[in-house]
Amino acid sequence: MLESPSHSDDDLLRLLSRGDEAAFLAFYRRHQGPVFRFALQMSGKVEVAEEVTQDVFMAVMRATKYDASRGSVASYLYGVARNIVLRHLEKEKPYVALSIDASGQDLPLASSSDLVGELTRNERIEKLRRAVLALPPQYREVVVLCDLHEMDYADAAAALRCAIGTIRSRLHRARALLMEKMRAGERCTV
């Protein structure tokens, strides 16, 4: 019953704040994937992404502090996830899991028909993933939210609790840094 798309996030949050287990499950199923991918793209570690995802939804269960006037539910969840990821990043140095793609799955083996092309593509993707992970957190989070999760500037600003202009300037700087890192990587391999 609660699994239907007809129940809004606001309805589900209201029900789960009253302890409705089915509402929590529906809310979790709806938002778990994007929260996990954000945490994975920010940390580079499946284990951290799993822990962050669990912590985000535990926080939602404990005390729903969502205020619709401040932004979307996605912005709220990304904001909670951001805070938890940043705490993890402070504790340990980020690294890139070489055998895992952005969804947390093992990378498939390349087909033999275009093995060189597939290897080159995978190598470029890996370089980009490393470059994103090497960005300072304030730049990494805007790239992950706006470019990888296709969040609009207003929602990203709500998630990060800053002005839209700050999102724009950080994204501009982050993209410039990424281009610089990618070009530097290409010069090193030539």
C-alpha atoms as a PDB file:
ATOM      1  CA  MET A   1       0.000   0.000   0.000  1.00  0.00           C
ATOM      2  CA  LEU A   2       2.678   2.555   0.976  1.00  0.00           C
ATOM      3  CA  GLU A   3       4.956   1.383  -1.819  1.00  0.00           C
ATOM      4  CA  SER A   4       2.836   3.187  -4.411  1.00  0.00           C
ATOM      5  CA  PRO A   5       4.236   6.384  -5.897  1.00  0.00           C
ATOM      6  CA  SER A   6       1.033   8.173  -4.836  1.00  0.00           C
ATOM      7  CA  HIS A   7       2.402   8.699  -1.333  1.00  0.00           C
ATOM      8  CA  SER A   8       4.531  11.815  -1.207  1.00  0.00           C
ATOM      9  CA  ASP A   9       7.765  11.992   0.708  1.00  0.00           C
ATOM     10  CA  ASP A  10       6.050  14.384   3.124  1.00  0.00           C
ATOM     11  CA  ASP A  11       3.333  11.789   3.783  1.00  0.00           C
ATOM     12  CA  LEU A  12       5.903   9.066   4.326  1.00  0.00           C
ATOM     13  CA  LEU A  13       7.978  11.238   6.678  1.00  0.00           C
ATOM     14  CA  ARG A  14       4.887  12.152   8.683  1.00  0.00           C
ATOM     15  CA  LEU A  15       3.922   8.470   8.980  1.00  0.00           C
ATOM     16  CA  LEU A  16       7.414   7.277   9.840  1.00  0.00           C
ATOM     17  CA  SER A  17       7.739   9.964  12.530  1.00  0.00           C
ATOM     18  CA  ARG A  18       4.813   8.169  14.183  1.00  0.00           C
ATOM     19  CA  GLY A  19       6.685   4.865  13.979  1.00  0.00           C
ATOM     20  CA  ASP A  20       5.074   3.442  10.835  1.00  0.00           C
ATOM     21  CA  GLU A  21       7.447   0.698   9.684  1.00  0.00           C
ATOM     22  CA  ALA A  22       5.924   0.368   6.219  1.00  0.00           C
ATOM     23  CA  ALA A  23       6.340   4.108   5.631  1.00  0.00           C
ATOM     24  CA  PHE A  24      10.007   3.883   6.600  1.00  0.00           C
ATOM     25  CA  LEU A  25      10.554   0.944   4.267  1.00  0.00           C
ATOM     26  CA  ALA A  26       8.888   2.778   1.356  1.00  0.00           C
ATOM     27  CA  PHE A  27      10.904   5.934   2.078  1.00  0.00           C
ATOM     28  CA  TYR A  28      14.126   3.917   2.352  1.00  0.00           C
ATOM     29  CA  ARG A  29      13.509   2.093  -0.916  1.00  0.00           C
ATOM     30  CA  ARG A  30      12.809   5.367  -2.677  1.00  0.00           C
ATOM     31  CA  HIS A  31      15.945   7.192  -1.488  1.00  0.00           C
ATOM     32  CA  GLN A  32      18.557   4.584  -0.532  1.00  0.00           C
ATOM     33  CA  GLY A  33      20.150   4.332  -3.997  1.00  0.00           C
ATOM     34  CA  PRO A  34      20.911   8.031  -4.518  1.00  0.00           C
ATOM     35  CA  VAL A  35      22.195   8.438  -0.933  1.00  0.00           C
ATOM     36  CA  PHE A  36      24.469   5.402  -1.355  1.00  0.00           C
ATOM     37  CA  ARG A  37      25.820   6.635  -4.712  1.00  0.00           C
ATOM     38  CA  PHE A  38      26.496  10.100  -3.274  1.00  0.00           C
ATOM     39  CA  ALA A  39      28.395   8.607  -0.326  1.00  0.00           C
ATOM     40  CA  LEU A  40      30.337   6.264  -2.635  1.00  0.00           C
ATOM     41  CA  GLN A  41      31.268   9.064  -5.019  1.00  0.00           C
ATOM     42  CA  MET A  42      32.349  11.272  -2.138  1.00  0.00           C
ATOM     43  CA  SER A  43      34.352   8.631  -0.258  1.00  0.00           C
ATOM     44  CA  GLY A  44      35.472   6.145  -2.912  1.00  0.00           C
ATOM     45  CA  LYS A  45      34.737   3.256  -0.539  1.00  0.00           C
ATOM     46  CA  VAL A  46      31.781   0.888  -0.616  1.00  0.00           C
ATOM     47  CA  GLU A  47      32.126   0.237   3.130  1.00  0.00           C
ATOM     48  CA  VAL A  48      31.935   3.945   3.942  1.00  0.00           C
ATOM     49  CA  ALA A  49      28.989   4.422   1.565  1.00  0.00           C
ATOM     50  CA  GLU A  50      27.103   1.565   3.233  1.00  0.00           C
ATOM     51  CA  GLU A  51      27.780   2.963   6.699  1.00  0.00           C
ATOM     52  CA  VAL A  52      26.823   6.496   5.682  1.00  0.00           C
ATOM     53  CA  THR A  53      23.600   5.267   4.078  1.00  0.00           C
ATOM     54  CA  GLN A  54      22.680   3.373   7.223  1.00  0.00           C
ATOM     55  CA  ASP A  55      23.510   6.394   9.405  1.00  0.00           C
ATOM     56  CA  VAL A  56      21.405   8.730   7.225  1.00  0.00           C
ATOM     57  CA  PHE A  57      18.315   6.571   7.538  1.00  0.00           C
ATOM     58  CA  MET A  58      18.909   5.968  11.234  1.00  0.00           C
ATOM     59  CA  ALA A  59      18.975   9.761  11.667  1.00  0.00           C
ATOM     60  CA  VAL A  60      15.708  10.024   9.728  1.00  0.00           C
ATOM     61  CA  MET A  61      14.155   7.385  11.998  1.00  0.00           C
ATOM     62  CA  ARG A  62      15.381   9.009  15.221  1.00  0.00           C
ATOM     63  CA  ALA A  63      14.256  12.546  14.614  1.00  0.00           C
ATOM     64  CA  THR A  64      12.852  13.858  11.382  1.00  0.00           C
ATOM     65  CA  LYS A  65      14.104  17.430  11.124  1.00  0.00           C
ATOM     66  CA  TYR A  66      13.000  17.898   7.537  1.00  0.00           C
ATOM     67  CA  ASP A  67      11.461  21.296   6.781  1.00  0.00           C
ATOM     68  CA  ALA A  68       9.869  21.485   3.319  1.00  0.00           C
ATOM     69  CA  SER A  69      10.275  25.274   3.252  1.00  0.00           C
ATOM     70  CA  ARG A  70      14.090  24.868   3.262  1.00  0.00           C
ATOM     71  CA  GLY A  71      14.306  22.541   0.253  1.00  0.00           C
ATOM     72  CA  SER A  72      13.431  19.156  -1.178  1.00  0.00           C
ATOM     73  CA  VAL A  73      13.642  15.847   0.653  1.00  0.00           C
ATOM     74  CA  ALA A  74      16.583  14.927  -1.565  1.00  0.00           C
ATOM     75  CA  SER A  75      18.414  18.082  -0.470  1.00  0.00           C
ATOM     76  CA  TYR A  76      17.735  17.213   3.154  1.00  0.00           C
ATOM     77  CA  LEU A  77      19.025  13.649   2.732  1.00  0.00           C
ATOM     78  CA  TYR A  78      22.120  14.770   0.794  1.00  0.00           C
ATOM     79  CA  GLY A  79      22.804  17.334   3.515  1.00  0.00           C
ATOM     80  CA  VAL A  80      22.669  14.681   6.235  1.00  0.00           C
ATOM     81  CA  ALA A  81      24.805  12.330   4.103  1.00  0.00           C
ATOM     82  CA  ARG A  82      27.292  15.119   3.423  1.00  0.00           C
ATOM     83  CA  ASN A  83      27.852  15.766   7.114  1.00  0.00           C
ATOM     84  CA  ILE A  84      28.410  12.080   7.822  1.00  0.00           C
ATOM     85  CA  VAL A  85      30.736  11.629   4.823  1.00  0.00           C
ATOM     86  CA  LEU A  86      32.806  14.654   5.837  1.00  0.00           C
ATOM     87  CA  ARG A  87      33.270  13.148   9.308  1.00  0.00           C
ATOM     88  CA  HIS A  88      34.526   9.937   7.659  1.00  0.00           C
ATOM     89  CA  LEU A  89      36.850  11.872   5.356  1.00  0.00           C
ATOM     90  CA  GLU A  90      38.364  13.640   8.344  1.00  0.00           C
ATOM     91  CA  LYS A  91      39.141  10.270   9.942  1.00  0.00           C
ATOM     92  CA  GLU A  92      40.844   8.632   6.983  1.00  0.00           C
ATOM     93  CA  LYS A  93      42.468   9.417   3.678  1.00  0.00           C
ATOM     94  CA  PRO A  94      40.279   8.694   0.658  1.00  0.00           C
ATOM     95  CA  TYR A  95      41.307   6.024  -1.784  1.00  0.00           C
ATOM     96  CA  VAL A  96      39.860   4.759  -5.020  1.00  0.00           C
ATOM     97  CA  ALA A  97      38.538   1.210  -5.232  1.00  0.00           C
ATOM     98  CA  LEU A  98      39.854   0.134  -8.605  1.00  0.00           C
ATOM     99  CA  SER A  99      37.492  -2.768  -9.214  1.00  0.00           C
ATOM    100  CA  ILE A 100      34.191  -1.050  -8.357  1.00  0.00           C
ATOM    101  CA  ASP A 101      31.998   1.175 -10.482  1.00  0.00           C
ATOM    102  CA  ALA A 102      29.872   4.137  -9.326  1.00  0.00           C
ATOM    103  CA  SER A 103      26.935   1.908  -8.372  1.00  0.00           C
ATOM    104  CA  GLY A 104      29.118  -0.229  -6.093  1.00  0.00           C
ATOM    105  CA  GLN A 105      29.188  -3.213  -8.443  1.00  0.00           C
ATOM    106  CA  ASP A 106      32.260  -5.050  -9.683  1.00  0.00           C
ATOM    107  CA  LEU A 107      33.394  -3.728 -13.055  1.00  0.00           C
ATOM    108  CA  PRO A 108      32.474  -6.085 -15.909  1.00  0.00           C
ATOM    109  CA  LEU A 109      35.195  -7.638 -17.987  1.00  0.00           C
ATOM    110  CA  ALA A 110      35.716  -5.960 -21.350  1.00  0.00           C
ATOM    111  CA  SER A 111      34.439  -7.721 -24.424  1.00  0.00           C
ATOM    112  CA  SER A 112      37.124  -9.197 -26.626  1.00  0.00           C
ATOM    113  CA  SER A 113      35.737  -7.409 -29.718  1.00  0.00           C
ATOM    114  CA  ASP A 114      37.094  -4.015 -28.616  1.00  0.00           C
ATOM    115  CA  LEU A 115      39.373  -4.840 -25.731  1.00  0.00           C
ATOM    116  CA  VAL A 116      41.770  -1.933 -26.309  1.00  0.00           C
ATOM    117  CA  GLY A 117      38.941   0.581 -26.642  1.00  0.00           C
ATOM    118  CA  GLU A 118      37.232  -0.731 -23.519  1.00  0.00           C
ATOM    119  CA  LEU A 119      40.482  -0.677 -21.541  1.00  0.00           C
ATOM    120  CA  THR A 120      41.177   2.899 -22.649  1.00  0.00           C
ATOM    121  CA  ARG A 121      37.648   3.966 -21.701  1.00  0.00           C
ATOM    122  CA  ASN A 122      37.911   2.266 -18.301  1.00  0.00           C
ATOM    123  CA  GLU A 123      41.298   3.882 -17.723  1.00  0.00           C
ATOM    124  CA  ARG A 124      39.887   7.359 -18.474  1.00  0.00           C
ATOM    125  CA  ILE A 125      36.907   6.730 -16.193  1.00  0.00           C
ATOM    126  CA  GLU A 126      39.259   5.613 -13.437  1.00  0.00           C
ATOM    127  CA  LYS A 127      41.440   8.701 -13.893  1.00  0.00           C
ATOM    128  CA  LEU A 128      38.353  10.888 -13.666  1.00  0.00           C
ATOM    129  CA  ARG A 129      37.148   9.022 -10.564  1.00  0.00           C
ATOM    130  CA  ARG A 130      40.559   9.546  -8.942  1.00  0.00           C
ATOM    131  CA  ALA A 131      40.563  13.205  -9.947  1.00  0.00           C
ATOM    132  CA  VAL A 132      37.122  13.723  -8.385  1.00  0.00           C
ATOM    133  CA  LEU A 133      38.228  11.989  -5.188  1.00  0.00           C
ATOM    134  CA  ALA A 134      41.363  14.157  -5.088  1.00  0.00           C
ATOM    135  CA  LEU A 135      39.322  17.371  -5.082  1.00  0.00           C
ATOM    136  CA  PRO A 136      38.937  19.164  -1.757  1.00  0.00           C
ATOM    137  CA  PRO A 137      35.583  18.146  -0.188  1.00  0.00           C
ATOM    138  CA  GLN A 138      33.845  21.493  -0.871  1.00  0.00           C
ATOM    139  CA  TYR A 139      34.522  21.077  -4.596  1.00  0.00           C
ATOM    140  CA  ARG A 140      33.959  17.317  -4.694  1.00  0.00           C
ATOM    141  CA  GLU A 141      30.480  17.602  -3.178  1.00  0.00           C
ATOM    142  CA  VAL A 142      29.249  20.113  -5.792  1.00  0.00           C
ATOM    143  CA  VAL A 143      30.587  17.949  -8.635  1.00  0.00           C
ATOM    144  CA  VAL A 144      28.914  14.867  -7.166  1.00  0.00           C
ATOM    145  CA  LEU A 145      25.600  16.625  -6.544  1.00  0.00           C
ATOM    146  CA  CYS A 146      25.340  18.784  -9.670  1.00  0.00           C
ATOM    147  CA  ASP A 147      27.223  16.797 -12.311  1.00  0.00           C
ATOM    148  CA  LEU A 148      26.854  13.179 -11.220  1.00  0.00           C
ATOM    149  CA  HIS A 149      23.454  13.354  -9.491  1.00  0.00           C
ATOM    150  CA  GLU A 150      22.151  16.098 -11.802  1.00  0.00           C
ATOM    151  CA  MET A 151      20.792  18.102  -8.883  1.00  0.00           C
ATOM    152  CA  ASP A 152      19.830  21.688  -9.703  1.00  0.00           C
ATOM    153  CA  TYR A 153      21.732  24.548  -8.085  1.00  0.00           C
ATOM    154  CA  ALA A 154      18.888  25.468  -5.711  1.00  0.00           C
ATOM    155  CA  ASP A 155      18.622  21.945  -4.299  1.00  0.00           C
ATOM    156  CA  ALA A 156      22.401  21.639  -4.046  1.00  0.00           C
ATOM    157  CA  ALA A 157      22.510  24.963  -2.191  1.00  0.00           C
ATOM    158  CA  ALA A 158      19.840  23.700   0.205  1.00  0.00           C
ATOM    159  CA  ALA A 159      21.713  20.427   0.767  1.00  0.00           C
ATOM    160  CA  LEU A 160      25.007  22.210   1.427  1.00  0.00           C
ATOM    161  CA  ARG A 161      23.408  25.127   3.299  1.00  0.00           C
ATOM    162  CA  CYS A 162      24.986  27.832   1.195  1.00  0.00           C
ATOM    163  CA  ALA A 163      24.010  30.366  -1.467  1.00  0.00           C
ATOM    164  CA  ILE A 164      23.345  29.404  -5.073  1.00  0.00           C
ATOM    165  CA  GLY A 165      26.204  31.706  -6.094  1.00  0.00           C
ATOM    166  CA  THR A 166      28.530  29.662  -3.902  1.00  0.00           C
ATOM    167  CA  ILE A 167      27.418  26.492  -5.679  1.00  0.00           C
ATOM    168  CA  ARG A 168      28.075  28.099  -9.063  1.00  0.00           C
ATOM    169  CA  SER A 169      31.524  29.377  -8.134  1.00  0.00           C
ATOM    170  CA  ARG A 170      32.568  26.110  -6.472  1.00  0.00           C
ATOM    171  CA  LEU A 171      31.341  24.110  -9.448  1.00  0.00           C
ATOM    172  CA  HIS A 172      33.226  26.374 -11.851  1.00  0.00           C
ATOM    173  CA  ARG A 173      36.421  26.028  -9.795  1.00  0.00           C
ATOM    174  CA  ALA A 174      35.927  22.257  -9.380  1.00  0.00           C
ATOM    175  CA  ARG A 175      35.504  21.731 -13.117  1.00  0.00           C
ATOM    176  CA  ALA A 176      38.640  23.801 -13.782  1.00  0.00           C
ATOM    177  CA  LEU A 177      40.576  21.706 -11.264  1.00  0.00           C
ATOM    178  CA  LEU A 178      39.289  18.495 -12.836  1.00  0.00           C
ATOM    179  CA  MET A 179      40.300  19.634 -16.319  1.00  0.00           C
ATOM    180  CA  GLU A 180      43.731  20.548 -14.996  1.00  0.00           C
ATOM    181  CA  LYS A 181      44.125  17.150 -13.286  1.00  0.00           C
ATOM    182  CA  MET A 182      42.958  15.263 -16.367  1.00  0.00           C
ATOM    183  CA  ARG A 183      45.300  17.205 -18.676  1.00  0.00           C
ATOM    184  CA  ALA A 184      48.202  16.668 -16.289  1.00  0.00           C
ATOM    185  CA  GLY A 185      47.414  12.947 -16.257  1.00  0.00           C
ATOM    186  CA  GLU A 186      47.376  12.809 -20.058  1.00  0.00           C
ATOM    187  CA  ARG A 187      50.732  14.604 -20.287  1.00  0.00           C
ATOM    188  CA  CYS A 188      52.258  12.105 -17.854  1.00  0.00           C
ATOM    189  CA  THR A 189      51.129   9.095 -19.912  1.00  0.00           C
ATOM    190  CA  VAL A 190      52.363  10.447 -23.260  1.00  0.00           C
END
